[in-house]
């Protein structure tokens, strides 16, 4: 058996075991050193794959796919800087506990550190951001193939385990790299005879939920029963089952529930948008919970964290399924590692008294605040950043997924989204929308690619709300859209720069703000869309936006919808709306 045959068999076995382990979607970037792996994918009829000219875009697409499916997409690339381009997506996947598997091709030992072309030190390149990494051996008959399959199986188990996250396998190859017909009857493969015929993976890993200890539940139940004014926070969570369990607990205990957009509850009917109240300083000074029960992870808005610093509650309890520390302000008094579903279920019935806030008054506040936001969406008004978020949340249906970019779009959706039904037209309002956000490290890179992978993974068409700088940052990902099995509506909020900086103190320094922070770009969103053959529209009014968005939602083609905005006008509009909502808080929440 010659070296080419050994390399071909080796690569074929690696890909086959990945598929049997459930990692059957491959994001491939073209390259020479990765030829054996690419060929193995191309010739395996069970493999699903997509080609990417840009490894950075591939990494974020794989991230979105993992978010949607709960399974790792396998990234395959050649040697050199190709693998380094995965780094931003790897960091996001690591920080937000999303599965991902990198299978990078590398040069052999004799080409390292000697000036050979396209060669860098790839082993452990992602450092602490992987759950596991392994330098695989050069394909050789000296390596027991059962060990190879066992390693692949373990890699998949590590990316799916607790906590989930990226795994990196670095595979060196010697030339020649061209595929060869292989002799599958060679004695080297004898130990794999059963594996080759039964179609089963070499090993299976199970990941049962970690049930909280009875003593822990007893402590939590006692704390809840004794609290005079408790609050439940739903932070970022990874399943609808977790979100539903937390919602059911809050309803059972009749405790206010702050549901972050990343929790999966914010766009569900019946969930009150406490974000509107938390922006009011008077509300923060009036509502002082003595116990805060926080499920999941990060929150989008800064106001809850600021409120916690003011309240300094006797008990701030965090429940997460991951062991990683979560206490950004170092004020958590009790940390519980365990199943969110099991913990929530076990805490039902632990209270019989009402919390200290008047729920009826709160309902009146949210209704009136909703009317103030809806006033921004009148048909003849110019479409704005606020109205685009509000209207999108009304018009999107459960047949779509929603992905929201960081910076201002995610904050506007978290604050101003509508999730209440209306007797006049039930069809305008969503019951529950699947929403994706890159909040692991909250970057604006790779958003288009992640949204594409998220939609493809769900097998649903989708809507992406994104700012102009984030759109520019991932512009080449527009080339993906016409290769997807589903369509995307991309709402580009174009305020000619980083609109969020207008809300920060640095905006007051006029000598440096525009040139060094706002970063105006003045590129043509329309030209970008047309370059990649994507439909384009630019509505001027809220009425036009509704018509265009509805038509795009019924189309099988992807569409870019540009919302042209002014940073200064947007700032003033946000401040004026918040002032009106603050006045309502005084009227309804402090009685």
Protein backbone atom coordinates (compact mmCIF):
# COMPACT_ATOMS: atom_id res chain seq x y z
CA UNK A 1 0.00 0.00 0.00
CA UNK A 2 1.58 3.28 -1.10
CA UNK A 3 1.48 6.58 0.89
CA UNK A 4 -1.37 8.02 -1.20
CA UNK A 5 -3.54 5.00 -0.46
CA UNK A 6 -2.78 5.23 3.26
CA UNK A 7 -3.72 8.93 3.31
CA UNK A 8 -6.93 8.28 1.36
CA UNK A 9 -8.05 5.46 3.67
CA UNK A 10 -7.17 7.51 6.74
CA UNK A 11 -9.17 10.53 5.58
CA UNK A 12 -12.11 8.37 4.51
CA UNK A 13 -12.29 6.80 7.97
CA UNK A 14 -12.08 10.18 9.72
CA UNK A 15 -14.97 11.62 7.70
CA UNK A 16 -17.08 8.46 8.01
CA UNK A 17 -16.71 8.37 11.81
CA UNK A 18 -17.61 12.05 12.07
CA UNK A 19 -20.79 11.41 10.10
CA UNK A 20 -21.68 8.39 12.24
CA UNK A 21 -21.20 10.54 15.33
CA UNK A 22 -23.76 13.03 13.99
CA UNK A 23 -21.29 15.63 12.72
CA UNK A 24 -22.41 15.30 9.11
CA UNK A 25 -22.36 18.92 7.89
CA UNK A 26 -19.04 20.15 6.52
CA UNK A 27 -17.98 23.76 5.83
CA UNK A 28 -15.13 23.41 3.36
CA UNK A 29 -12.71 26.05 2.13
CA UNK A 30 -10.65 25.20 -0.95
CA UNK A 31 -6.98 24.38 -0.49
CA UNK A 32 -4.28 21.94 -1.49
CA UNK A 33 -3.10 20.48 1.82
CA UNK A 34 -6.68 19.59 2.81
CA UNK A 35 -7.29 17.69 -0.45
CA UNK A 36 -7.59 14.23 1.19
CA UNK A 37 -10.26 15.45 3.61
CA UNK A 38 -12.20 17.34 0.96
CA UNK A 39 -12.16 14.34 -1.34
CA UNK A 40 -13.39 12.10 1.49
CA UNK A 41 -16.35 14.43 2.06
CA UNK A 42 -17.11 14.75 -1.65
CA UNK A 43 -17.19 10.97 -2.09
CA UNK A 44 -19.29 10.20 0.97
CA UNK A 45 -22.93 10.24 -0.06
CA UNK A 46 -24.08 10.76 3.54
CA UNK A 47 -22.14 14.01 3.90
CA UNK A 48 -23.82 17.40 3.61
CA UNK A 49 -21.45 20.23 2.72
CA UNK A 50 -21.04 23.83 1.61
CA UNK A 51 -18.03 25.54 0.05
CA UNK A 52 -16.64 28.85 1.37
CA UNK A 53 -14.03 31.03 -0.29
CA UNK A 54 -13.43 32.78 3.05
CA UNK A 55 -12.56 30.73 6.14
CA UNK A 56 -13.72 33.52 8.49
CA UNK A 57 -17.18 33.43 6.94
CA UNK A 58 -17.14 29.63 7.09
CA UNK A 59 -16.38 29.76 10.81
CA UNK A 60 -19.33 32.02 11.55
CA UNK A 61 -21.65 30.00 9.32
CA UNK A 62 -20.66 26.92 11.32
CA UNK A 63 -21.38 28.87 14.51
CA UNK A 64 -24.88 29.71 13.30
CA UNK A 65 -25.47 26.14 12.21
CA UNK A 66 -24.42 24.88 15.64
CA UNK A 67 -26.73 27.37 17.36
CA UNK A 68 -29.65 26.14 15.28
CA UNK A 69 -29.10 22.38 15.39
CA UNK A 70 -27.19 21.74 18.60
CA UNK A 71 -24.75 19.72 16.46
CA UNK A 72 -21.23 20.71 15.40
CA UNK A 73 -20.55 21.69 11.84
CA UNK A 74 -17.10 20.46 10.77
CA UNK A 75 -14.76 23.12 9.39
CA UNK A 76 -12.16 21.88 6.90
CA UNK A 77 -9.33 24.10 5.67
CA UNK A 78 -5.79 24.03 4.34
CA UNK A 79 -2.66 25.01 6.24
CA UNK A 80 -1.35 28.47 7.13
CA UNK A 81 -3.47 31.51 7.89
CA UNK A 82 -6.57 29.67 6.68
CA UNK A 83 -7.04 28.10 10.10
CA UNK A 84 -6.28 31.39 11.86
CA UNK A 85 -9.27 32.97 10.14
CA UNK A 86 -11.56 30.75 12.23
CA UNK A 87 -10.39 32.40 15.45
CA UNK A 88 -13.17 35.04 15.91
CA UNK A 89 -15.89 32.42 15.40
CA UNK A 90 -14.08 29.98 17.70
CA UNK A 91 -14.00 32.59 20.47
CA UNK A 92 -17.72 33.32 20.09
CA UNK A 93 -18.55 29.60 20.11
CA UNK A 94 -16.39 29.07 23.18
CA UNK A 95 -17.82 31.97 25.16
CA UNK A 96 -21.43 31.08 24.32
CA UNK A 97 -21.08 27.29 24.62
CA UNK A 98 -21.85 26.37 21.00
CA UNK A 99 -20.59 23.16 19.34
CA UNK A 100 -18.01 23.44 16.56
CA UNK A 101 -15.32 21.11 15.22
CA UNK A 102 -12.26 22.35 13.33
CA UNK A 103 -10.39 19.84 11.18
CA UNK A 104 -7.39 21.71 9.82
CA UNK A 105 -4.88 20.22 7.42
CA UNK A 106 -1.23 20.89 8.23
CA UNK A 107 2.27 20.42 6.83
CA UNK A 108 4.35 17.52 8.14
CA UNK A 109 6.97 17.84 10.87
CA UNK A 110 9.90 18.34 8.51
CA UNK A 111 8.35 21.53 7.06
CA UNK A 112 7.79 23.27 10.39
CA UNK A 113 10.04 26.13 11.53
CA UNK A 114 12.28 25.90 8.46
CA UNK A 115 10.93 28.59 6.17
CA UNK A 116 8.62 26.30 4.20
CA UNK A 117 5.81 28.08 2.37
CA UNK A 118 2.32 28.42 3.89
CA UNK A 119 3.43 26.91 7.19
CA UNK A 120 2.70 28.13 10.70
CA UNK A 121 2.46 26.49 14.13
CA UNK A 122 -1.13 25.25 14.03
CA UNK A 123 -1.20 22.87 16.99
CA UNK A 124 -3.26 24.39 19.83
CA UNK A 125 -3.55 27.64 17.88
CA UNK A 126 -6.84 28.49 19.61
CA UNK A 127 -5.40 28.01 23.09
CA UNK A 128 -7.88 28.05 25.97
CA UNK A 129 -10.85 28.72 23.67
CA UNK A 130 -11.21 25.05 22.74
CA UNK A 131 -12.76 22.37 24.91
CA UNK A 132 -10.14 19.96 23.56
CA UNK A 133 -7.49 19.94 20.88
CA UNK A 134 -5.38 17.15 19.45
CA UNK A 135 -2.46 16.95 17.05
CA UNK A 136 -3.28 13.88 14.97
CA UNK A 137 -0.41 11.75 13.66
CA UNK A 138 0.62 11.59 10.05
CA UNK A 139 -1.38 8.85 8.30
CA UNK A 140 0.57 5.66 8.83
CA UNK A 141 0.06 1.92 8.98
CA UNK A 142 1.87 2.05 12.31
CA UNK A 143 -1.14 3.77 13.91
CA UNK A 144 -3.96 1.46 15.10
CA UNK A 145 -7.09 2.59 13.27
CA UNK A 146 -9.29 1.92 16.29
CA UNK A 147 -7.30 4.61 18.08
CA UNK A 148 -8.01 7.02 15.23
CA UNK A 149 -11.77 6.33 15.34
CA UNK A 150 -11.81 6.57 19.13
CA UNK A 151 -10.13 9.97 18.93
CA UNK A 152 -12.70 11.25 16.44
CA UNK A 153 -15.54 9.99 18.63
CA UNK A 154 -14.03 11.67 21.68
CA UNK A 155 -13.64 14.94 19.78
CA UNK A 156 -17.35 15.00 18.98
CA UNK A 157 -18.22 14.16 22.59
CA UNK A 158 -16.09 17.07 23.83
CA UNK A 159 -17.70 19.61 21.52
CA UNK A 160 -21.16 18.49 22.69
CA UNK A 161 -20.35 17.96 26.37
CA UNK A 162 -20.75 20.30 29.31
CA UNK A 163 -19.80 22.95 28.59
CA UNK A 164 -20.21 22.62 24.83
CA UNK A 165 -17.73 24.46 22.64
CA UNK A 166 -15.10 24.24 19.89
CA UNK A 167 -12.77 21.29 19.39
CA UNK A 168 -9.70 21.44 17.15
CA UNK A 169 -8.13 18.47 15.38
CA UNK A 170 -4.95 19.34 13.47
CA UNK A 171 -4.14 16.80 10.77
CA UNK A 172 -0.73 16.86 9.05
CA UNK A 173 -0.38 15.31 5.60
CA UNK A 174 2.65 14.52 3.45
CA UNK A 175 2.54 14.74 -0.30
CA UNK A 176 1.31 13.25 -2.54
CA UNK A 177 -2.18 14.42 -1.67
CA UNK A 178 -4.09 13.20 -4.71
CA UNK A 179 -6.83 10.61 -4.09
CA UNK A 180 -6.12 6.97 -4.86
CA UNK A 181 -8.29 3.91 -5.16
CA UNK A 182 -7.82 1.95 -1.96
CA UNK A 183 -7.63 -1.71 -1.02
CA UNK A 184 -10.13 -2.14 1.80
CA UNK A 185 -9.03 -5.76 2.29
CA UNK A 186 -5.58 -4.82 3.56
CA UNK A 187 -4.75 -6.42 6.94
CA UNK A 188 -4.31 -2.91 8.40
CA UNK A 189 -8.12 -2.64 8.34
CA UNK A 190 -8.82 -6.07 9.83
CA UNK A 191 -9.61 -4.68 13.32
CA UNK A 192 -12.36 -2.53 11.74
CA UNK A 193 -14.27 -5.31 9.95
CA UNK A 194 -17.30 -5.04 12.22
CA UNK A 195 -17.23 -1.23 12.13
CA UNK A 196 -17.09 -1.24 8.34
CA UNK A 197 -20.15 -3.48 8.00
CA UNK A 198 -22.52 -2.40 10.78
CA UNK A 199 -22.65 1.35 10.00
CA UNK A 200 -22.49 2.24 13.70
CA UNK A 201 -20.21 4.80 15.37
CA UNK A 202 -17.15 3.46 17.16
CA UNK A 203 -18.52 4.66 20.51
CA UNK A 204 -21.43 6.66 21.90
CA UNK A 205 -21.42 9.41 24.54
CA UNK A 206 -24.46 10.40 26.59
CA UNK A 207 -25.00 13.80 28.22
CA UNK A 208 -27.66 13.58 30.94
CA UNK A 209 -28.82 16.75 32.66
CA UNK A 210 -27.18 17.45 35.98
CA UNK A 211 -29.97 17.35 38.53
CA UNK A 212 -29.60 19.74 41.47
CA UNK A 213 -29.08 18.11 44.86
CA UNK A 214 -32.13 17.95 47.19
CA UNK A 215 -30.23 20.03 49.75
CA UNK A 216 -29.71 22.74 47.13
CA UNK A 217 -33.38 22.80 46.19
CA UNK A 218 -34.32 23.03 49.87
CA UNK A 219 -32.07 26.09 50.28
CA UNK A 220 -33.59 27.78 47.21
CA UNK A 221 -37.18 27.02 48.23
CA UNK A 222 -36.59 28.44 51.70
CA UNK A 223 -35.04 31.60 50.26
CA UNK A 224 -37.95 32.10 47.86
CA UNK A 225 -40.56 31.51 50.55
CA UNK A 226 -38.97 34.09 52.85
CA UNK A 227 -38.33 36.79 50.22
CA UNK A 228 -40.59 39.84 50.43
CA UNK A 229 -39.94 41.13 46.93
CA UNK A 230 -38.27 38.59 44.65
CA UNK A 231 -37.36 39.01 40.98
CA UNK A 232 -36.61 36.33 38.38
CA UNK A 233 -34.23 37.09 35.50
CA UNK A 234 -34.05 34.95 32.38
CA UNK A 235 -30.65 35.49 30.76
CA UNK A 236 -29.24 33.77 27.71
CA UNK A 237 -30.39 30.17 27.39
CA UNK A 238 -29.90 27.52 24.75
CA UNK A 239 -33.22 25.70 24.53
CA UNK A 240 -36.93 26.42 24.50
CA UNK A 241 -37.34 23.83 27.26
CA UNK A 242 -35.17 25.92 29.58
CA UNK A 243 -37.03 29.11 28.69
CA UNK A 244 -40.46 27.51 29.18
CA UNK A 245 -39.47 26.10 32.57
CA UNK A 246 -38.36 29.53 33.83
CA UNK A 247 -41.53 31.17 32.51
CA UNK A 248 -43.69 28.54 34.20
CA UNK A 249 -41.85 29.06 37.49
CA UNK A 250 -42.36 32.83 37.41
CA UNK A 251 -46.06 32.34 36.64
CA UNK A 252 -46.41 29.74 39.40
CA UNK A 253 -44.75 31.96 42.01
CA UNK A 254 -46.39 35.17 40.68
CA UNK A 255 -42.98 36.83 40.59
CA UNK A 256 -41.96 39.51 38.02
CA UNK A 257 -39.91 37.99 35.17
CA UNK A 258 -37.28 40.02 33.34
CA UNK A 259 -36.87 38.13 30.05
CA UNK A 260 -33.82 39.04 27.99
CA UNK A 261 -34.03 38.72 24.21
CA UNK A 262 -31.37 35.98 24.38
CA UNK A 263 -33.52 33.90 26.73
CA UNK A 264 -35.98 32.89 24.01
CA UNK A 265 -38.89 34.45 25.94
CA UNK A 266 -38.81 38.13 25.01
CA UNK A 267 -40.75 37.59 21.76
CA UNK A 268 -43.32 35.28 23.29
CA UNK A 269 -46.88 36.47 23.88
CA UNK A 270 -47.67 37.25 27.49
CA UNK A 271 -44.12 38.15 28.56
CA UNK A 272 -43.98 41.69 29.92
CA UNK A 273 -41.09 43.87 28.62
CA UNK A 274 -39.58 44.86 31.96
CA UNK A 275 -36.74 46.42 29.93
CA UNK A 276 -38.97 49.51 29.63
CA UNK A 277 -39.26 49.89 33.40
CA UNK A 278 -35.62 49.17 34.15
CA UNK A 279 -34.56 52.23 32.14
CA UNK A 280 -36.36 54.47 34.63
CA UNK A 281 -34.17 55.66 37.53
CA UNK A 282 -37.29 56.25 39.63
CA UNK A 283 -38.39 52.67 39.11
CA UNK A 284 -34.99 51.40 40.22
CA UNK A 285 -35.20 53.47 43.39
CA UNK A 286 -38.78 52.32 44.05
CA UNK A 287 -38.55 48.60 43.29
CA UNK A 288 -35.97 47.02 45.59
CA UNK A 289 -35.98 43.21 45.43
CA UNK A 290 -34.40 41.39 48.33
CA UNK A 291 -33.87 38.22 46.24
CA UNK A 292 -32.89 37.96 42.57
CA UNK A 293 -32.99 34.51 40.95
CA UNK A 294 -31.02 34.63 37.69
CA UNK A 295 -31.29 31.73 35.24
CA UNK A 296 -28.82 31.43 32.36
CA UNK A 297 -26.18 33.91 31.36
CA UNK A 298 -25.60 37.39 29.98
CA UNK A 299 -28.16 40.15 29.47
CA UNK A 300 -28.20 42.59 26.58
CA UNK A 301 -29.13 45.76 28.45
CA UNK A 302 -26.84 47.28 31.07
CA UNK A 303 -29.73 48.49 33.24
CA UNK A 304 -30.34 45.26 35.22
CA UNK A 305 -26.68 45.08 36.25
CA UNK A 306 -26.76 48.76 37.22
CA UNK A 307 -29.92 48.14 39.23
CA UNK A 308 -28.35 45.20 41.04
CA UNK A 309 -25.45 47.40 42.09
CA UNK A 310 -27.94 49.88 43.53
CA UNK A 311 -30.18 47.28 45.20
CA UNK A 312 -27.41 45.07 46.55
CA UNK A 313 -30.01 42.36 47.35
CA UNK A 314 -29.48 40.03 50.27
CA UNK A 315 -29.54 37.09 47.88
CA UNK A 316 -28.42 37.10 44.24
CA UNK A 317 -28.65 33.50 43.05
CA UNK A 318 -27.45 32.33 39.62
CA UNK A 319 -28.54 28.99 38.15
CA UNK A 320 -26.63 27.71 35.13
CA UNK A 321 -25.94 24.35 33.56
CA UNK A 322 -22.27 25.25 32.99
CA UNK A 323 -19.57 25.23 35.65
CA UNK A 324 -17.99 28.45 34.37
CA UNK A 325 -18.14 31.43 36.71
CA UNK A 326 -20.78 34.06 35.96
CA UNK A 327 -20.55 37.10 38.22
CA UNK A 328 -19.42 40.14 36.19
CA UNK A 329 -19.86 42.47 39.19
CA UNK A 330 -18.71 39.86 41.73
CA UNK A 331 -21.98 40.18 43.62
CA UNK A 332 -23.46 36.67 43.28
CA UNK A 333 -24.20 35.23 46.71
CA UNK A 334 -25.06 31.68 45.60
CA UNK A 335 -24.13 29.84 42.42
CA UNK A 336 -25.99 26.67 41.40
CA UNK A 337 -24.66 24.42 38.65
CA UNK A 338 -27.44 22.20 37.41
CA UNK A 339 -30.25 21.71 34.94
CA UNK A 340 -32.30 24.89 34.50
CA UNK A 341 -35.36 22.80 33.67
CA UNK A 342 -35.03 20.54 36.70
CA UNK A 343 -34.25 23.40 39.06
CA UNK A 344 -37.18 25.51 37.86
CA UNK A 345 -39.59 22.60 38.12
CA UNK A 346 -38.40 21.76 41.63
CA UNK A 347 -39.00 25.32 42.86
CA UNK A 348 -42.68 25.50 41.94
CA UNK A 349 -45.00 26.00 44.87
CA UNK A 350 -42.32 27.50 47.09
CA UNK A 351 -44.26 30.77 47.57
CA UNK A 352 -47.83 31.51 48.58
CA UNK A 353 -47.60 35.29 49.03
CA UNK A 354 -47.57 37.93 46.31
CA UNK A 355 -44.42 39.86 45.55
CA UNK A 356 -44.16 43.48 46.58
CA UNK A 357 -45.02 44.97 43.18
CA UNK A 358 -48.58 45.71 42.08
CA UNK A 359 -49.04 43.48 39.03
CA UNK A 360 -52.23 45.24 37.87
CA UNK A 361 -50.49 48.60 37.86
CA UNK A 362 -47.58 47.01 35.98
CA UNK A 363 -49.97 45.68 33.33
CA UNK A 364 -51.37 49.18 32.85
CA UNK A 365 -47.86 50.57 32.51
CA UNK A 366 -46.83 48.06 29.84
CA UNK A 367 -50.02 48.68 27.88
CA UNK A 368 -49.55 52.45 27.90
CA UNK A 369 -45.83 52.16 27.13
CA UNK A 370 -46.69 49.92 24.20
CA UNK A 371 -49.00 52.61 22.88
CA UNK A 372 -46.18 55.16 23.08
CA UNK A 373 -43.88 52.87 21.06
CA UNK A 374 -46.64 52.14 18.54
CA UNK A 375 -47.04 55.87 18.03
CA UNK A 376 -43.59 55.77 16.38
CA UNK A 377 -44.89 53.29 13.80
CA UNK A 378 -47.71 55.29 12.23
CA UNK A 379 -47.91 54.48 8.56
CA UNK A 380 -47.05 57.95 7.23
CA UNK A 381 -44.13 58.50 9.64
CA UNK A 382 -40.56 58.03 8.34
CA UNK A 383 -39.29 54.55 9.15
CA UNK A 384 -36.77 54.76 11.97
CA UNK A 385 -34.50 52.47 13.97
CA UNK A 386 -37.18 52.19 16.68
CA UNK A 387 -40.08 51.60 14.30
CA UNK A 388 -38.10 49.08 12.23
CA UNK A 389 -37.51 46.96 15.34
CA UNK A 390 -41.11 47.28 16.51
CA UNK A 391 -42.64 46.53 13.12
CA UNK A 392 -40.31 43.61 12.42
CA UNK A 393 -41.32 42.01 15.71
CA UNK A 394 -44.98 42.40 14.70
CA UNK A 395 -44.71 41.24 11.11
CA UNK A 396 -42.37 38.27 11.48
CA UNK A 397 -44.11 34.90 11.75
CA UNK A 398 -43.25 31.63 13.45
CA UNK A 399 -42.33 30.26 10.04
CA UNK A 400 -39.20 32.45 10.16
CA UNK A 401 -36.20 32.74 12.43
CA UNK A 402 -34.90 36.10 13.61
CA UNK A 403 -31.23 36.99 13.96
CA UNK A 404 -30.20 40.33 15.45
CA UNK A 405 -26.81 41.99 15.17
CA UNK A 406 -24.98 43.46 18.13
CA UNK A 407 -24.68 47.17 18.91
CA UNK A 408 -27.92 49.16 18.47
CA UNK A 409 -30.12 46.61 16.60
CA UNK A 410 -30.08 44.09 19.44
CA UNK A 411 -30.74 46.78 22.04
CA UNK A 412 -33.67 48.21 20.08
CA UNK A 413 -35.19 44.77 19.56
CA UNK A 414 -34.69 43.87 23.23
CA UNK A 415 -36.35 47.11 24.35
CA UNK A 416 -39.01 47.90 21.77
CA UNK A 417 -40.13 44.54 20.35
CA UNK A 418 -43.84 43.81 20.53
CA UNK A 419 -45.00 40.48 21.89
CA UNK A 420 -48.63 41.20 22.79
CA UNK A 421 -51.55 39.94 20.73
CA UNK A 422 -54.13 42.37 19.42
CA UNK A 423 -57.75 41.48 18.84
CA UNK A 424 -57.90 43.56 15.68
CA UNK A 425 -55.42 41.42 13.74
CA UNK A 426 -53.96 38.37 15.43
CA UNK A 427 -51.90 37.54 12.34
CA UNK A 428 -49.71 40.60 12.85
CA UNK A 429 -48.32 39.27 16.10
CA UNK A 430 -46.00 36.39 16.67
CA UNK A 431 -46.67 33.77 19.30
CA UNK A 432 -43.04 32.80 19.66
CA UNK A 433 -40.08 33.58 17.46
CA UNK A 434 -36.80 31.66 17.44
CA UNK A 435 -34.13 34.32 17.87
CA UNK A 436 -30.35 34.11 17.49
CA UNK A 437 -27.72 36.55 18.74
CA UNK A 438 -23.92 36.42 18.97
CA UNK A 439 -23.66 37.52 22.61
CA UNK A 440 -20.74 35.38 23.71
CA UNK A 441 -18.41 38.31 23.16
CA UNK A 442 -20.91 40.66 21.47
CA UNK A 443 -18.85 41.38 18.35
CA UNK A 444 -20.17 42.77 15.08
CA UNK A 445 -18.00 40.47 12.96
CA UNK A 446 -19.41 37.54 11.01
CA UNK A 447 -23.06 38.45 11.60
CA UNK A 448 -24.26 37.82 8.03
CA UNK A 449 -22.51 34.46 7.93
CA UNK A 450 -23.86 33.42 11.34
CA UNK A 451 -27.41 34.38 10.37
CA UNK A 452 -27.09 32.37 7.16
CA UNK A 453 -25.90 29.31 9.09
CA UNK A 454 -28.64 29.81 11.70
CA UNK A 455 -31.36 29.89 9.04
CA UNK A 456 -29.90 26.96 7.12
CA UNK A 457 -29.58 24.92 10.30
CA UNK A 458 -33.22 25.53 11.19
CA UNK A 459 -34.36 24.96 7.63
CA UNK A 460 -36.43 28.15 7.89
CA UNK A 461 -36.28 31.44 6.06
CA UNK A 462 -35.15 34.26 8.28
CA UNK A 463 -34.87 37.93 9.04
CA UNK A 464 -31.61 39.58 10.03
CA UNK A 465 -31.51 43.08 11.53
CA UNK A 466 -28.02 44.52 11.21
CA UNK A 467 -26.21 47.86 11.35
CA UNK A 468 -24.29 49.34 8.43
CA UNK A 469 -20.84 48.74 9.95
CA UNK A 470 -21.60 45.09 10.79
CA UNK A 471 -23.00 44.66 7.27
CA UNK A 472 -19.79 46.04 5.79
CA UNK A 473 -17.70 43.89 8.14
CA UNK A 474 -19.09 40.67 6.63
CA UNK A 475 -19.95 41.90 3.15
CA UNK A 476 -18.50 38.93 1.28
CA UNK A 477 -21.03 36.69 3.06
CA UNK A 478 -23.63 38.07 0.63
CA UNK A 479 -22.18 35.53 -1.79
CA UNK A 480 -23.68 32.80 0.43
CA UNK A 481 -27.28 33.91 0.11
CA UNK A 482 -28.03 32.51 -3.32
CA UNK A 483 -26.57 29.13 -2.29
CA UNK A 484 -28.87 28.69 0.71
CA UNK A 485 -31.94 26.47 0.71
CA UNK A 486 -33.85 29.27 2.48
CA UNK A 487 -34.21 33.01 1.94
CA UNK A 488 -33.03 35.84 4.20
CA UNK A 489 -34.54 39.28 4.69
CA UNK A 490 -31.62 41.54 5.68
CA UNK A 491 -32.73 44.80 7.26
CA UNK A 492 -29.72 47.12 7.18
CA UNK A 493 -30.04 50.03 9.59
CA UNK A 494 -27.80 52.57 7.90
CA UNK A 495 -26.99 55.60 10.05
CA UNK A 496 -23.63 56.09 8.32
CA UNK A 497 -21.46 54.86 11.15
CA UNK A 498 -21.49 53.47 14.66
CA UNK A 499 -24.80 54.80 15.95
CA UNK A 500 -24.34 53.39 19.44
CA UNK A 501 -21.44 55.78 20.09
CA UNK A 502 -23.89 58.69 19.95
CA UNK A 503 -25.33 57.40 23.23
CA UNK A 504 -21.95 57.41 24.98
CA UNK A 505 -20.22 60.31 26.76
CA UNK A 506 -17.53 60.45 24.05
CA UNK A 507 -20.18 61.88 21.69
CA UNK A 508 -19.77 65.18 23.51
CA UNK A 509 -16.20 65.59 22.22
CA UNK A 510 -16.96 67.06 18.81
CA UNK A 511 -13.31 67.47 17.83
CA UNK A 512 -12.71 63.72 17.77
CA UNK A 513 -16.11 62.02 17.77
CA UNK A 514 -16.95 61.96 14.06
CA UNK A 515 -13.47 61.08 12.83
CA UNK A 516 -12.44 58.53 15.46
CA UNK A 517 -15.64 56.95 16.81
CA UNK A 518 -18.63 57.44 14.52
CA UNK A 519 -16.57 56.17 11.53
CA UNK A 520 -18.84 57.21 8.64
CA UNK A 521 -18.39 54.98 5.57
CA UNK A 522 -20.61 56.37 2.79
CA UNK A 523 -20.65 53.12 0.82
CA UNK A 524 -23.67 52.04 -1.23
CA UNK A 525 -25.73 49.27 0.33
CA UNK A 526 -27.74 49.06 -2.89
CA UNK A 527 -24.62 48.52 -5.00
CA UNK A 528 -23.41 45.83 -2.63
CA UNK A 529 -26.71 43.97 -2.91
CA UNK A 530 -26.76 44.26 -6.69
CA UNK A 531 -23.15 43.05 -6.94
CA UNK A 532 -24.17 39.75 -5.38
CA UNK A 533 -27.50 39.49 -7.20
CA UNK A 534 -29.63 40.20 -4.12
CA UNK A 535 -32.99 41.99 -4.30
CA UNK A 536 -32.91 45.51 -2.82
CA UNK A 537 -35.45 48.00 -1.43
CA UNK A 538 -35.27 51.23 0.56
CA UNK A 539 -38.61 52.19 2.16
CA UNK A 540 -39.08 55.77 3.29
CA UNK A 541 -42.13 55.39 5.55
CA UNK A 542 -43.39 52.81 8.02
CA UNK A 543 -46.17 51.93 5.64
CA UNK A 544 -43.72 51.27 2.81
CA UNK A 545 -41.57 49.19 5.14
CA UNK A 546 -44.52 46.97 6.06
CA UNK A 547 -45.44 46.45 2.41
CA UNK A 548 -41.87 45.68 1.33
CA UNK A 549 -41.13 43.40 4.29
CA UNK A 550 -44.37 41.45 3.81
CA UNK A 551 -43.67 40.99 0.09
CA UNK A 552 -40.08 39.90 0.81
CA UNK A 553 -41.32 37.40 3.40
CA UNK A 554 -43.47 35.79 0.74
CA UNK A 555 -40.61 35.59 -1.75
CA UNK A 556 -38.19 32.71 -2.22
CA UNK A 557 -35.40 35.21 -2.94
CA UNK A 558 -33.23 36.94 -0.37
CA UNK A 559 -33.74 40.69 -0.03
CA UNK A 560 -31.76 43.59 1.43
CA UNK A 561 -34.02 46.26 2.95
CA UNK A 562 -32.09 49.43 3.75
CA UNK A 563 -33.35 51.78 6.48
CA UNK A 564 -31.62 55.14 6.10
CA UNK A 565 -31.30 56.88 9.45
CA UNK A 566 -29.65 59.87 11.07
CA UNK A 567 -27.54 59.24 14.15
CA UNK A 568 -28.50 62.55 15.74
CA UNK A 569 -32.21 62.20 15.00
CA UNK A 570 -32.13 58.63 16.29
CA UNK A 571 -30.53 59.78 19.55
CA UNK A 572 -33.17 62.48 20.08
CA UNK A 573 -35.98 60.07 19.20
CA UNK A 574 -34.76 57.51 21.73
CA UNK A 575 -34.45 60.12 24.45
CA UNK A 576 -37.89 61.61 23.79
CA UNK A 577 -39.57 58.18 23.79
CA UNK A 578 -37.80 57.17 26.98
CA UNK A 579 -38.90 60.40 28.67
CA UNK A 580 -42.52 59.60 27.84
CA UNK A 581 -42.14 56.03 29.15
CA UNK A 582 -40.48 57.33 32.34
CA UNK A 583 -43.51 59.57 32.91
CA UNK A 584 -45.78 56.54 32.58
CA UNK A 585 -43.64 54.66 35.10
CA UNK A 586 -44.20 57.46 37.60
CA UNK A 587 -47.96 57.28 37.02
CA UNK A 588 -48.46 53.51 37.09
CA UNK A 589 -45.58 51.88 38.96
CA UNK A 590 -45.20 54.11 42.02
CA UNK A 591 -48.81 54.18 43.27
